[in-house]
Structure formats: structure tokens, C-alpha cells
């Protein structure tokens, strides 16, 4: 069994684009609605926070952002190792929805999960400043990372952060 990293966030924040870029080094401008859960595998060679060379295979679960699928959030987290909350820095409401998603997970799942807040589309015009996103991540007890799936900025940092969170807890 591989660690499961699950992406949650509103519609059209770029969850699928992040997975596609990270796993396949590919990006598409075309929007395709995620129905159900898309699972990808990725092997990552990294150095742990303790300086150890590690080869880790991840299961990356891309979830739909549509509100119709919110009932599936809690059951998905049962096997999760880490949660990646994604919002679009160009749409403030997508950041505001992270609070509700995080509450659903915290209310229904007692296990402490490694969580990362990801501001996607940092190459676009912003509605959410870096400082505001950092404040939100601090309130929620998460690490904040800005990325651009389109330009392959910050993809490795997301998963490196999750690994560092886990290895620092050991």
C-alpha cells in the first residue's frame, strides 16, 4: 500500500492540472470535469528532513470540486496520509471554501493528517495576496505553497512538504 495524498478544493482551481503536470509532465488548457476520483501513481526520489535519500511511491487522488460530491469527502480520508487543499489565487471564494472542507475532514476524521495549502495559478492576476494566503494557512495549521501547474512551478515542493511533515513527526 502506498501513501495516499488527496487533493481537495473548489471547481476549476487546477487540481487535475497539478496532478497531470506532476505525474505526467503535461498541461492542457482544456477543462475536463472530474467525476469520481482519479488515482495516479508517482515515484519520487527525495532527501528527507533528516538527510536520508528516499524513494517514495505515492497514490495521488484527484477529487471533484463540485458541491454535489461533498458527501464523499469523509470516506475518502480513511486511508489518507496527506491532504492537499488547492485554491485559485485569482478567485478569493476558492480560498474561503478551504475552511469548510477542512472542517468536514476534521469533524469526521480523528487521525492527524499532514496538510498543505496550495495556491495555484500564481502566474495569473491575483485576488488573494501571498500574505493573506499565509495567514489562512497559519490559522489552519498548514504549510503554504504557491504553484503554477501551467508553468510547472512548485510541483515537487507540494509533495516534499508532505514528506517533511511526516518525517518530522516520526
C-alpha atoms as a PDB file:
ATOM      1  CA  UNK A   1       0.000   0.000   0.000  1.00  0.00           C
ATOM      2  CA  UNK A   2       1.332   3.412  -0.945  1.00  0.00           C
ATOM      3  CA  UNK A   3       0.760   6.688   0.908  1.00  0.00           C
ATOM      4  CA  UNK A   4      -2.405   8.355  -0.343  1.00  0.00           C
ATOM      5  CA  UNK A   5      -2.274  12.083  -0.959  1.00  0.00           C
ATOM      6  CA  UNK A   6      -5.717  13.530  -1.639  1.00  0.00           C
ATOM      7  CA  UNK A   7      -6.396  16.837  -3.390  1.00  0.00           C
ATOM      8  CA  UNK A   8      -9.459  18.812  -2.312  1.00  0.00           C
ATOM      9  CA  UNK A   9     -10.661  22.195  -3.491  1.00  0.00           C
ATOM     10  CA  UNK A  10     -13.362  24.036  -5.378  1.00  0.00           C
ATOM     11  CA  UNK A  11     -14.162  23.503  -9.040  1.00  0.00           C
ATOM     12  CA  UNK A  12     -11.653  24.733 -11.617  1.00  0.00           C
ATOM     13  CA  UNK A  13      -8.856  25.531  -9.172  1.00  0.00           C
ATOM     14  CA  UNK A  14      -6.477  23.249 -11.082  1.00  0.00           C
ATOM     15  CA  UNK A  15      -6.390  20.059  -9.011  1.00  0.00           C
ATOM     16  CA  UNK A  16      -6.347  17.844 -12.105  1.00  0.00           C
ATOM     17  CA  UNK A  17      -3.795  20.110 -13.779  1.00  0.00           C
ATOM     18  CA  UNK A  18      -1.493  19.808 -10.768  1.00  0.00           C
ATOM     19  CA  UNK A  19      -1.727  16.014 -10.868  1.00  0.00           C
ATOM     20  CA  UNK A  20      -1.270  15.899 -14.631  1.00  0.00           C
ATOM     21  CA  UNK A  21       1.774  18.186 -14.510  1.00  0.00           C
ATOM     22  CA  UNK A  22       3.344  16.422 -11.534  1.00  0.00           C
ATOM     23  CA  UNK A  23       2.762  12.844 -12.703  1.00  0.00           C
ATOM     24  CA  UNK A  24       2.964  13.178 -16.498  1.00  0.00           C
ATOM     25  CA  UNK A  25       4.857  16.474 -17.037  1.00  0.00           C
ATOM     26  CA  UNK A  26       1.927  17.621 -19.145  1.00  0.00           C
ATOM     27  CA  UNK A  27      -0.522  20.529 -19.093  1.00  0.00           C
ATOM     28  CA  UNK A  28      -3.724  21.151 -21.033  1.00  0.00           C
ATOM     29  CA  UNK A  29      -5.757  24.353 -21.320  1.00  0.00           C
ATOM     30  CA  UNK A  30      -8.919  22.259 -21.792  1.00  0.00           C
ATOM     31  CA  UNK A  31     -11.138  21.892 -18.725  1.00  0.00           C
ATOM     32  CA  UNK A  32     -12.434  18.390 -18.060  1.00  0.00           C
ATOM     33  CA  UNK A  33     -14.797  17.895 -15.131  1.00  0.00           C
ATOM     34  CA  UNK A  34     -13.539  15.280 -12.661  1.00  0.00           C
ATOM     35  CA  UNK A  35     -16.271  12.757 -11.896  1.00  0.00           C
ATOM     36  CA  UNK A  36     -15.490  10.363  -9.090  1.00  0.00           C
ATOM     37  CA  UNK A  37     -11.863  10.051  -8.055  1.00  0.00           C
ATOM     38  CA  UNK A  38      -8.908   9.814 -10.437  1.00  0.00           C
ATOM     39  CA  UNK A  39      -5.951   7.957  -8.925  1.00  0.00           C
ATOM     40  CA  UNK A  40      -2.398   8.362 -10.224  1.00  0.00           C
ATOM     41  CA  UNK A  41       0.896   6.841  -9.065  1.00  0.00           C
ATOM     42  CA  UNK A  42       4.172   8.718  -8.854  1.00  0.00           C
ATOM     43  CA  UNK A  43       7.590   7.630  -7.609  1.00  0.00           C
ATOM     44  CA  UNK A  44       9.616  10.400  -6.052  1.00  0.00           C
ATOM     45  CA  UNK A  45      13.287  10.375  -5.114  1.00  0.00           C
ATOM     46  CA  UNK A  46      13.842  12.857  -2.322  1.00  0.00           C
ATOM     47  CA  UNK A  47      16.016  13.669   0.609  1.00  0.00           C
ATOM     48  CA  UNK A  48      14.222  13.565   3.943  1.00  0.00           C
ATOM     49  CA  UNK A  49      14.500  16.307   6.525  1.00  0.00           C
ATOM     50  CA  UNK A  50      16.977  14.007   8.310  1.00  0.00           C
ATOM     51  CA  UNK A  51      19.169  13.844   5.186  1.00  0.00           C
ATOM     52  CA  UNK A  52      18.187  10.324   4.126  1.00  0.00           C
ATOM     53  CA  UNK A  53      17.740   9.504   0.428  1.00  0.00           C
ATOM     54  CA  UNK A  54      14.243   8.120  -0.019  1.00  0.00           C
ATOM     55  CA  UNK A  55      12.326   6.659  -2.930  1.00  0.00           C
ATOM     56  CA  UNK A  56       8.627   7.009  -2.266  1.00  0.00           C
ATOM     57  CA  UNK A  57       5.714   5.911  -4.419  1.00  0.00           C
ATOM     58  CA  UNK A  58       2.572   7.992  -3.916  1.00  0.00           C
ATOM     59  CA  UNK A  59      -1.037   7.419  -4.775  1.00  0.00           C
ATOM     60  CA  UNK A  60      -2.402  10.821  -5.711  1.00  0.00           C
ATOM     61  CA  UNK A  61      -6.167  11.090  -5.543  1.00  0.00           C
ATOM     62  CA  UNK A  62      -7.757  13.855  -7.609  1.00  0.00           C
ATOM     63  CA  UNK A  63     -11.258  14.590  -6.312  1.00  0.00           C
ATOM     64  CA  UNK A  64     -14.120  16.536  -7.890  1.00  0.00           C
ATOM     65  CA  UNK A  65     -14.651  20.084  -6.677  1.00  0.00           C
ATOM     66  CA  UNK A  66     -18.364  20.160  -7.336  1.00  0.00           C
ATOM     67  CA  UNK A  67     -20.513  20.564  -4.227  1.00  0.00           C
ATOM     68  CA  UNK A  68     -22.554  17.508  -5.275  1.00  0.00           C
ATOM     69  CA  UNK A  69     -19.612  15.316  -4.287  1.00  0.00           C
ATOM     70  CA  UNK A  70     -19.079  16.693  -0.744  1.00  0.00           C
ATOM     71  CA  UNK A  71     -20.655  13.586   0.814  1.00  0.00           C
ATOM     72  CA  UNK A  72     -17.658  11.610  -0.448  1.00  0.00           C
ATOM     73  CA  UNK A  73     -15.056  13.726   1.360  1.00  0.00           C
ATOM     74  CA  UNK A  74     -15.109  11.928   4.710  1.00  0.00           C
ATOM     75  CA  UNK A  75     -14.962   8.351   3.374  1.00  0.00           C
ATOM     76  CA  UNK A  76     -12.049   9.244   1.083  1.00  0.00           C
ATOM     77  CA  UNK A  77      -9.923  10.360   4.015  1.00  0.00           C
ATOM     78  CA  UNK A  78      -9.945   6.999   5.808  1.00  0.00           C
ATOM     79  CA  UNK A  79      -6.758   5.810   4.076  1.00  0.00           C
ATOM     80  CA  UNK A  80      -5.202   9.210   3.523  1.00  0.00           C
ATOM     81  CA  UNK A  81      -1.666  10.099   4.532  1.00  0.00           C
ATOM     82  CA  UNK A  82      -1.862  13.712   3.480  1.00  0.00           C
ATOM     83  CA  UNK A  83      -4.336  16.305   2.292  1.00  0.00           C
ATOM     84  CA  UNK A  84      -3.581  18.924  -0.337  1.00  0.00           C
ATOM     85  CA  UNK A  85      -6.084  21.788  -0.259  1.00  0.00           C
ATOM     86  CA  UNK A  86      -5.979  23.685  -3.560  1.00  0.00           C
ATOM     87  CA  UNK A  87      -7.378  27.134  -4.303  1.00  0.00           C
ATOM     88  CA  UNK A  88      -7.034  29.587  -7.193  1.00  0.00           C
ATOM     89  CA  UNK A  89      -5.123  32.754  -6.189  1.00  0.00           C
ATOM     90  CA  UNK A  90      -7.257  34.606  -8.754  1.00  0.00           C
ATOM     91  CA  UNK A  91     -10.555  33.706  -7.020  1.00  0.00           C
ATOM     92  CA  UNK A  92     -10.900  34.573  -3.320  1.00  0.00           C
ATOM     93  CA  UNK A  93     -14.033  32.447  -2.844  1.00  0.00           C
ATOM     94  CA  UNK A  94     -11.992  29.322  -3.588  1.00  0.00           C
ATOM     95  CA  UNK A  95      -9.745  30.113  -0.612  1.00  0.00           C
ATOM     96  CA  UNK A  96     -12.756  30.763   1.622  1.00  0.00           C
ATOM     97  CA  UNK A  97     -14.132  27.304   0.774  1.00  0.00           C
ATOM     98  CA  UNK A  98     -10.999  25.670   2.195  1.00  0.00           C
ATOM     99  CA  UNK A  99     -12.246  26.434   5.720  1.00  0.00           C
ATOM    100  CA  UNK A 100     -15.414  24.371   5.144  1.00  0.00           C
ATOM    101  CA  UNK A 101     -13.530  21.498   3.514  1.00  0.00           C
ATOM    102  CA  UNK A 102     -11.027  21.381   6.354  1.00  0.00           C
ATOM    103  CA  UNK A 103     -13.849  21.404   8.927  1.00  0.00           C
ATOM    104  CA  UNK A 104     -15.574  18.449   7.233  1.00  0.00           C
ATOM    105  CA  UNK A 105     -12.354  16.458   7.411  1.00  0.00           C
ATOM    106  CA  UNK A 106     -11.511  17.450  10.983  1.00  0.00           C
ATOM    107  CA  UNK A 107     -15.058  16.766  12.235  1.00  0.00           C
ATOM    108  CA  UNK A 108     -15.253  13.318  10.690  1.00  0.00           C
ATOM    109  CA  UNK A 109     -11.718  12.021  10.924  1.00  0.00           C
ATOM    110  CA  UNK A 110      -9.753  11.909  14.154  1.00  0.00           C
ATOM    111  CA  UNK A 111      -6.372  10.869  12.734  1.00  0.00           C
ATOM    112  CA  UNK A 112      -3.913  13.721  12.401  1.00  0.00           C
ATOM    113  CA  UNK A 113      -3.155  14.209   8.729  1.00  0.00           C
ATOM    114  CA  UNK A 114      -0.339  16.128   7.080  1.00  0.00           C
ATOM    115  CA  UNK A 115      -1.979  19.066   5.312  1.00  0.00           C
ATOM    116  CA  UNK A 116      -0.695  21.545   2.772  1.00  0.00           C
ATOM    117  CA  UNK A 117      -2.482  24.613   1.408  1.00  0.00           C
ATOM    118  CA  UNK A 118      -1.678  25.208  -2.264  1.00  0.00           C
ATOM    119  CA  UNK A 119      -2.359  28.462  -4.102  1.00  0.00           C
ATOM    120  CA  UNK A 120      -2.481  27.511  -7.780  1.00  0.00           C
ATOM    121  CA  UNK A 121      -2.307  29.779 -10.826  1.00  0.00           C
ATOM    122  CA  UNK A 122       0.292  32.100  -9.263  1.00  0.00           C
ATOM    123  CA  UNK A 123       1.145  33.124 -12.839  1.00  0.00           C
ATOM    124  CA  UNK A 124      -2.268  34.845 -13.189  1.00  0.00           C
ATOM    125  CA  UNK A 125      -3.806  38.057 -11.863  1.00  0.00           C
ATOM    126  CA  UNK A 126      -4.404  37.720  -8.118  1.00  0.00           C
ATOM    127  CA  UNK A 127      -7.351  38.325  -5.828  1.00  0.00           C
ATOM    128  CA  UNK A 128      -5.546  36.678  -2.909  1.00  0.00           C
ATOM    129  CA  UNK A 129      -2.199  38.086  -1.818  1.00  0.00           C
ATOM    130  CA  UNK A 130       0.633  35.853  -0.688  1.00  0.00           C
ATOM    131  CA  UNK A 131       0.320  37.370   2.799  1.00  0.00           C
ATOM    132  CA  UNK A 132      -3.422  36.615   3.016  1.00  0.00           C
ATOM    133  CA  UNK A 133      -2.849  33.016   1.937  1.00  0.00           C
ATOM    134  CA  UNK A 134      -0.065  32.663   4.523  1.00  0.00           C
ATOM    135  CA  UNK A 135      -2.379  33.986   7.248  1.00  0.00           C
ATOM    136  CA  UNK A 136      -5.016  31.444   6.239  1.00  0.00           C
ATOM    137  CA  UNK A 137      -2.523  28.586   6.245  1.00  0.00           C
ATOM    138  CA  UNK A 138      -1.269  29.643   9.688  1.00  0.00           C
ATOM    139  CA  UNK A 139      -4.847  29.760  11.054  1.00  0.00           C
ATOM    140  CA  UNK A 140      -5.478  26.270   9.699  1.00  0.00           C
ATOM    141  CA  UNK A 141      -2.099  24.905  10.807  1.00  0.00           C
ATOM    142  CA  UNK A 142      -0.878  24.154   7.300  1.00  0.00           C
ATOM    143  CA  UNK A 143       2.188  24.853   5.214  1.00  0.00           C
ATOM    144  CA  UNK A 144       1.509  27.218   2.286  1.00  0.00           C
ATOM    145  CA  UNK A 145       2.956  26.723  -1.190  1.00  0.00           C
ATOM    146  CA  UNK A 146       2.255  28.731  -4.339  1.00  0.00           C
ATOM    147  CA  UNK A 147       2.353  26.905  -7.638  1.00  0.00           C
ATOM    148  CA  UNK A 148       1.577  27.148 -11.314  1.00  0.00           C
ATOM    149  CA  UNK A 149       0.540  23.858 -12.872  1.00  0.00           C
ATOM    150  CA  UNK A 150       0.668  25.593 -16.248  1.00  0.00           C
ATOM    151  CA  UNK A 151       4.357  26.511 -15.937  1.00  0.00           C
ATOM    152  CA  UNK A 152       5.399  23.594 -13.695  1.00  0.00           C
ATOM    153  CA  UNK A 153       6.268  25.864 -10.772  1.00  0.00           C
ATOM    154  CA  UNK A 154       6.283  24.338  -7.299  1.00  0.00           C
ATOM    155  CA  UNK A 155       5.000  20.860  -8.145  1.00  0.00           C
ATOM    156  CA  UNK A 156       7.757  18.962  -6.305  1.00  0.00           C
ATOM    157  CA  UNK A 157       7.530  21.300  -3.318  1.00  0.00           C
ATOM    158  CA  UNK A 158       3.966  20.160  -2.578  1.00  0.00           C
ATOM    159  CA  UNK A 159       4.937  16.543  -2.088  1.00  0.00           C
ATOM    160  CA  UNK A 160       8.284  17.330  -0.496  1.00  0.00           C
ATOM    161  CA  UNK A 161       6.397  19.360   2.124  1.00  0.00           C
ATOM    162  CA  UNK A 162       4.081  16.435   2.887  1.00  0.00           C
ATOM    163  CA  UNK A 163       7.039  14.088   3.284  1.00  0.00           C
ATOM    164  CA  UNK A 164       8.848  16.571   5.523  1.00  0.00           C
ATOM    165  CA  UNK A 165       5.753  16.927   7.700  1.00  0.00           C
ATOM    166  CA  UNK A 166       5.524  13.161   8.122  1.00  0.00           C
ATOM    167  CA  UNK A 167       9.226  12.545   8.731  1.00  0.00           C
ATOM    168  CA  UNK A 168       9.407  15.382  11.265  1.00  0.00           C
ATOM    169  CA  UNK A 169       6.589  13.704  13.234  1.00  0.00           C
ATOM    170  CA  UNK A 170       8.445  10.380  13.428  1.00  0.00           C
END
